N, C-alpha and C. Protein backbone atom coordinates (compact mmCIF):
# COMPACT_ATOMS: atom_id res chain seq x y z
N MET A 1 20.51 -7.13 -14.46
CA MET A 1 19.72 -7.03 -13.25
C MET A 1 20.36 -7.86 -12.14
N PRO A 2 20.61 -7.25 -11.00
CA PRO A 2 21.20 -7.98 -9.88
C PRO A 2 20.26 -9.08 -9.37
N LYS A 3 20.86 -10.18 -8.95
CA LYS A 3 20.12 -11.30 -8.39
C LYS A 3 20.40 -11.36 -6.89
N ILE A 4 19.34 -11.54 -6.09
CA ILE A 4 19.48 -11.60 -4.64
C ILE A 4 19.02 -12.97 -4.15
N LYS A 5 19.89 -13.64 -3.40
CA LYS A 5 19.51 -14.89 -2.74
C LYS A 5 19.16 -14.52 -1.30
N VAL A 6 17.92 -14.76 -0.90
CA VAL A 6 17.43 -14.35 0.41
C VAL A 6 17.23 -15.59 1.28
N ASN A 7 17.86 -15.61 2.46
CA ASN A 7 17.70 -16.69 3.42
C ASN A 7 17.12 -16.12 4.70
N ASN A 8 15.94 -16.60 5.11
CA ASN A 8 15.29 -16.12 6.32
C ASN A 8 15.84 -16.90 7.51
N ALA A 9 16.49 -16.21 8.45
CA ALA A 9 17.11 -16.84 9.61
C ALA A 9 16.08 -17.44 10.56
N GLU A 10 14.87 -16.89 10.57
CA GLU A 10 13.83 -17.35 11.49
C GLU A 10 13.13 -18.61 10.98
N THR A 11 12.79 -18.66 9.70
CA THR A 11 12.03 -19.77 9.15
C THR A 11 12.86 -20.74 8.32
N GLY A 12 14.02 -20.31 7.87
CA GLY A 12 14.87 -21.15 7.04
C GLY A 12 14.49 -21.14 5.56
N GLU A 13 13.48 -20.35 5.19
CA GLU A 13 13.06 -20.26 3.79
C GLU A 13 14.11 -19.55 2.95
N THR A 14 14.21 -19.95 1.69
CA THR A 14 15.15 -19.32 0.76
C THR A 14 14.40 -18.88 -0.49
N HIS A 15 14.68 -17.66 -0.95
CA HIS A 15 14.08 -17.11 -2.16
C HIS A 15 15.19 -16.53 -3.02
N VAL A 16 15.00 -16.54 -4.32
CA VAL A 16 15.91 -15.87 -5.25
C VAL A 16 15.08 -14.89 -6.06
N ILE A 17 15.49 -13.62 -6.04
CA ILE A 17 14.75 -12.58 -6.76
C ILE A 17 15.71 -11.76 -7.62
N LYS A 18 15.17 -11.12 -8.63
CA LYS A 18 15.94 -10.19 -9.47
C LYS A 18 15.35 -8.81 -9.28
N ILE A 19 16.23 -7.81 -9.16
CA ILE A 19 15.78 -6.44 -8.98
C ILE A 19 16.55 -5.52 -9.92
N GLY A 20 16.10 -4.30 -10.03
CA GLY A 20 16.77 -3.33 -10.87
C GLY A 20 18.07 -2.83 -10.24
N TYR A 21 19.00 -2.42 -11.07
CA TYR A 21 20.29 -1.89 -10.62
C TYR A 21 20.05 -0.63 -9.79
N GLY A 22 20.59 -0.58 -8.57
CA GLY A 22 20.44 0.58 -7.70
C GLY A 22 19.16 0.60 -6.90
N ALA A 23 18.40 -0.50 -6.91
CA ALA A 23 17.13 -0.57 -6.18
C ALA A 23 17.37 -0.65 -4.68
N ASN A 24 16.42 -0.16 -3.91
CA ASN A 24 16.46 -0.22 -2.45
C ASN A 24 16.16 -1.66 -2.02
N LEU A 25 16.99 -2.22 -1.15
CA LEU A 25 16.86 -3.62 -0.75
C LEU A 25 15.56 -3.88 0.00
N ARG A 26 15.20 -3.03 0.96
CA ARG A 26 13.97 -3.23 1.74
C ARG A 26 12.74 -3.20 0.85
N LYS A 27 12.68 -2.24 -0.06
CA LYS A 27 11.53 -2.14 -0.96
C LYS A 27 11.45 -3.36 -1.87
N ALA A 28 12.59 -3.80 -2.39
CA ALA A 28 12.61 -4.96 -3.27
C ALA A 28 12.13 -6.22 -2.55
N LEU A 29 12.57 -6.41 -1.31
CA LEU A 29 12.14 -7.57 -0.54
C LEU A 29 10.67 -7.48 -0.17
N GLY A 30 10.15 -6.27 -0.03
CA GLY A 30 8.74 -6.07 0.29
C GLY A 30 7.80 -6.52 -0.80
N TYR A 31 8.27 -6.58 -2.04
CA TYR A 31 7.44 -7.01 -3.16
C TYR A 31 7.46 -8.52 -3.35
N THR A 32 8.15 -9.24 -2.49
CA THR A 32 8.25 -10.70 -2.60
C THR A 32 7.70 -11.34 -1.33
N GLU A 33 7.79 -12.66 -1.26
CA GLU A 33 7.36 -13.38 -0.06
C GLU A 33 8.46 -13.41 1.00
N ALA A 34 9.62 -12.88 0.71
CA ALA A 34 10.73 -12.87 1.66
C ALA A 34 10.44 -11.87 2.78
N GLU A 35 10.60 -12.29 4.02
CA GLU A 35 10.35 -11.43 5.18
C GLU A 35 11.64 -10.75 5.63
N VAL A 36 11.60 -9.44 5.78
CA VAL A 36 12.75 -8.69 6.29
C VAL A 36 12.75 -8.71 7.81
N TYR A 37 11.57 -8.60 8.39
CA TYR A 37 11.43 -8.43 9.84
C TYR A 37 11.20 -9.75 10.56
N LYS A 38 11.52 -9.75 11.85
CA LYS A 38 11.34 -10.92 12.70
C LYS A 38 10.19 -10.65 13.66
N GLY A 39 9.25 -11.59 13.74
CA GLY A 39 8.15 -11.50 14.69
C GLY A 39 7.28 -10.26 14.54
N VAL A 40 7.02 -9.61 15.67
CA VAL A 40 6.12 -8.45 15.71
C VAL A 40 6.70 -7.23 15.00
N ASN A 41 8.00 -7.23 14.74
CA ASN A 41 8.63 -6.10 14.04
C ASN A 41 8.08 -5.91 12.64
N LYS A 42 7.38 -6.92 12.12
CA LYS A 42 6.74 -6.78 10.82
C LYS A 42 5.70 -5.65 10.86
N PHE A 43 5.11 -5.44 12.02
CA PHE A 43 4.07 -4.42 12.18
C PHE A 43 4.58 -3.17 12.90
N LEU A 44 5.59 -3.33 13.74
CA LEU A 44 6.12 -2.22 14.53
C LEU A 44 7.49 -1.81 14.00
N ASN A 45 7.50 -1.01 12.94
CA ASN A 45 8.75 -0.53 12.36
C ASN A 45 8.52 0.85 11.78
N CYS A 46 9.58 1.49 11.33
CA CYS A 46 9.51 2.87 10.85
C CYS A 46 9.17 2.98 9.37
N ARG A 47 8.87 1.86 8.71
CA ARG A 47 8.48 1.84 7.29
C ARG A 47 9.57 2.35 6.35
N GLY A 48 10.82 2.09 6.72
CA GLY A 48 11.93 2.41 5.83
C GLY A 48 12.52 3.79 5.97
N LEU A 49 12.24 4.48 7.06
CA LEU A 49 12.77 5.83 7.26
C LEU A 49 14.15 5.84 7.92
N GLY A 50 14.64 4.69 8.37
CA GLY A 50 15.96 4.61 8.99
C GLY A 50 15.96 4.98 10.46
N LEU A 51 14.81 4.93 11.11
CA LEU A 51 14.70 5.37 12.50
C LEU A 51 14.75 4.23 13.52
N CYS A 52 14.34 3.03 13.15
CA CYS A 52 14.17 1.98 14.15
C CYS A 52 15.25 0.89 14.13
N ALA A 53 15.91 0.68 13.02
CA ALA A 53 16.94 -0.36 12.86
C ALA A 53 16.39 -1.77 13.08
N LYS A 54 15.13 -1.99 12.74
CA LYS A 54 14.53 -3.33 12.85
C LYS A 54 14.67 -4.13 11.56
N CYS A 55 15.13 -3.49 10.50
CA CYS A 55 15.26 -4.15 9.19
C CYS A 55 16.69 -4.61 8.94
N ILE A 56 17.42 -4.91 9.99
CA ILE A 56 18.83 -5.29 9.84
C ILE A 56 18.94 -6.64 9.14
N VAL A 57 19.85 -6.70 8.18
CA VAL A 57 20.14 -7.92 7.43
C VAL A 57 21.65 -8.10 7.35
N GLU A 58 22.06 -9.31 7.03
CA GLU A 58 23.47 -9.59 6.79
C GLU A 58 23.64 -9.79 5.29
N VAL A 59 24.54 -9.02 4.68
CA VAL A 59 24.70 -9.01 3.23
C VAL A 59 26.12 -9.41 2.84
N GLU A 60 26.25 -10.28 1.85
CA GLU A 60 27.55 -10.66 1.29
C GLU A 60 27.42 -10.68 -0.23
N PRO A 61 28.35 -10.25 -1.00
CA PRO A 61 29.51 -9.46 -0.61
C PRO A 61 29.14 -7.99 -0.49
N SER A 62 29.85 -7.28 0.34
CA SER A 62 29.55 -5.86 0.57
C SER A 62 30.01 -4.97 -0.59
N ASP A 63 30.77 -5.53 -1.52
CA ASP A 63 31.23 -4.75 -2.68
C ASP A 63 30.09 -4.40 -3.63
N ASN A 64 29.00 -5.17 -3.59
CA ASN A 64 27.90 -4.98 -4.54
C ASN A 64 26.75 -4.15 -3.99
N ILE A 65 26.98 -3.45 -2.87
CA ILE A 65 25.95 -2.60 -2.29
C ILE A 65 26.52 -1.22 -1.97
N SER A 66 25.63 -0.30 -1.65
CA SER A 66 26.05 1.07 -1.33
C SER A 66 26.84 1.10 -0.03
N PRO A 67 27.64 2.16 0.19
CA PRO A 67 28.42 2.29 1.43
C PRO A 67 27.52 2.49 2.64
N ARG A 68 28.07 2.24 3.82
CA ARG A 68 27.33 2.44 5.07
C ARG A 68 26.90 3.90 5.19
N THR A 69 25.80 4.11 5.92
CA THR A 69 25.26 5.46 6.08
C THR A 69 25.35 5.93 7.52
N MET A 70 25.06 7.19 7.72
CA MET A 70 25.04 7.79 9.05
C MET A 70 24.04 7.08 9.96
N PHE A 71 22.90 6.65 9.41
CA PHE A 71 21.88 5.97 10.21
C PHE A 71 22.43 4.69 10.82
N GLU A 72 23.24 3.96 10.07
CA GLU A 72 23.80 2.71 10.57
C GLU A 72 24.85 2.97 11.65
N ASP A 73 25.54 4.08 11.55
CA ASP A 73 26.50 4.46 12.60
C ASP A 73 25.76 4.88 13.87
N ILE A 74 24.68 5.62 13.73
CA ILE A 74 23.89 6.07 14.88
C ILE A 74 23.32 4.88 15.64
N HIS A 75 22.80 3.89 14.92
CA HIS A 75 22.19 2.72 15.55
C HIS A 75 23.21 1.65 15.94
N LYS A 76 24.49 1.91 15.68
CA LYS A 76 25.57 0.98 16.03
C LYS A 76 25.33 -0.42 15.45
N VAL A 77 25.01 -0.45 14.17
CA VAL A 77 24.80 -1.70 13.46
C VAL A 77 26.15 -2.41 13.32
N GLY A 78 26.15 -3.73 13.54
CA GLY A 78 27.38 -4.51 13.49
C GLY A 78 28.12 -4.38 12.17
N PRO A 79 29.41 -4.71 12.16
CA PRO A 79 30.24 -4.54 10.96
C PRO A 79 29.79 -5.40 9.78
N ASP A 80 29.19 -6.56 10.05
CA ASP A 80 28.75 -7.43 8.96
C ASP A 80 27.26 -7.30 8.68
N GLN A 81 26.61 -6.31 9.32
CA GLN A 81 25.17 -6.10 9.15
C GLN A 81 24.87 -4.75 8.53
N ARG A 82 23.69 -4.64 7.91
CA ARG A 82 23.24 -3.39 7.30
C ARG A 82 21.75 -3.22 7.55
N MET A 83 21.29 -1.98 7.51
CA MET A 83 19.86 -1.70 7.56
C MET A 83 19.35 -1.79 6.12
N SER A 84 18.42 -2.70 5.85
CA SER A 84 17.99 -2.91 4.47
C SER A 84 17.35 -1.68 3.85
N CYS A 85 16.79 -0.80 4.68
CA CYS A 85 16.18 0.43 4.15
C CYS A 85 17.22 1.43 3.66
N ARG A 86 18.47 1.23 3.99
CA ARG A 86 19.55 2.14 3.59
C ARG A 86 20.45 1.54 2.52
N VAL A 87 20.14 0.35 2.04
CA VAL A 87 21.02 -0.36 1.09
C VAL A 87 20.48 -0.25 -0.33
N LYS A 88 21.36 0.14 -1.25
CA LYS A 88 21.06 0.08 -2.68
C LYS A 88 21.92 -1.03 -3.27
N VAL A 89 21.32 -1.83 -4.13
CA VAL A 89 21.98 -3.02 -4.67
C VAL A 89 22.52 -2.74 -6.06
N TYR A 90 23.82 -3.07 -6.26
CA TYR A 90 24.48 -2.84 -7.55
C TYR A 90 25.01 -4.11 -8.19
N GLY A 91 24.79 -5.26 -7.57
CA GLY A 91 25.27 -6.53 -8.12
C GLY A 91 24.66 -7.69 -7.36
N ASP A 92 25.01 -8.91 -7.73
CA ASP A 92 24.48 -10.10 -7.09
C ASP A 92 24.93 -10.17 -5.63
N ILE A 93 23.98 -10.47 -4.73
CA ILE A 93 24.28 -10.55 -3.31
C ILE A 93 23.52 -11.71 -2.67
N SER A 94 23.95 -12.07 -1.47
CA SER A 94 23.26 -13.05 -0.64
C SER A 94 22.86 -12.33 0.64
N VAL A 95 21.60 -12.47 1.04
CA VAL A 95 21.06 -11.72 2.18
C VAL A 95 20.47 -12.68 3.20
N LYS A 96 20.81 -12.47 4.47
CA LYS A 96 20.21 -13.22 5.57
C LYS A 96 19.27 -12.25 6.29
N THR A 97 17.97 -12.55 6.31
CA THR A 97 16.97 -11.65 6.89
C THR A 97 16.48 -12.16 8.24
N ALA A 98 15.67 -11.34 8.90
CA ALA A 98 15.04 -11.66 10.19
C ALA A 98 16.09 -11.96 11.26
N VAL A 99 17.14 -11.14 11.33
CA VAL A 99 18.19 -11.34 12.32
C VAL A 99 18.03 -10.42 13.52
N GLN A 100 17.20 -9.39 13.43
CA GLN A 100 17.03 -8.40 14.50
C GLN A 100 15.80 -8.73 15.34
N ASP A 101 15.97 -8.77 16.68
CA ASP A 101 14.83 -8.99 17.59
C ASP A 101 14.04 -7.73 17.79
């Protein structure tokens, strides 16, 4: 089972969670106390459909997650950032959340 170290950029909180191989990152973080969204975006988002790009996170290493998707290209997500709703986890990673205004 992959292990995820989650660091919230807004609050500084750190969580470590274990998820199933190939699990969706946004859904996995939703079952924990780790916050994906910053501020009001917790309530104003597309609920994981890939339409709003408010769930942007920074993930390392990128070798342990799925490749970038068309949605991330459309929203012009930075090279070191990913939309958590489009990420599947295949190994241990470190995630920085709450980076999108």
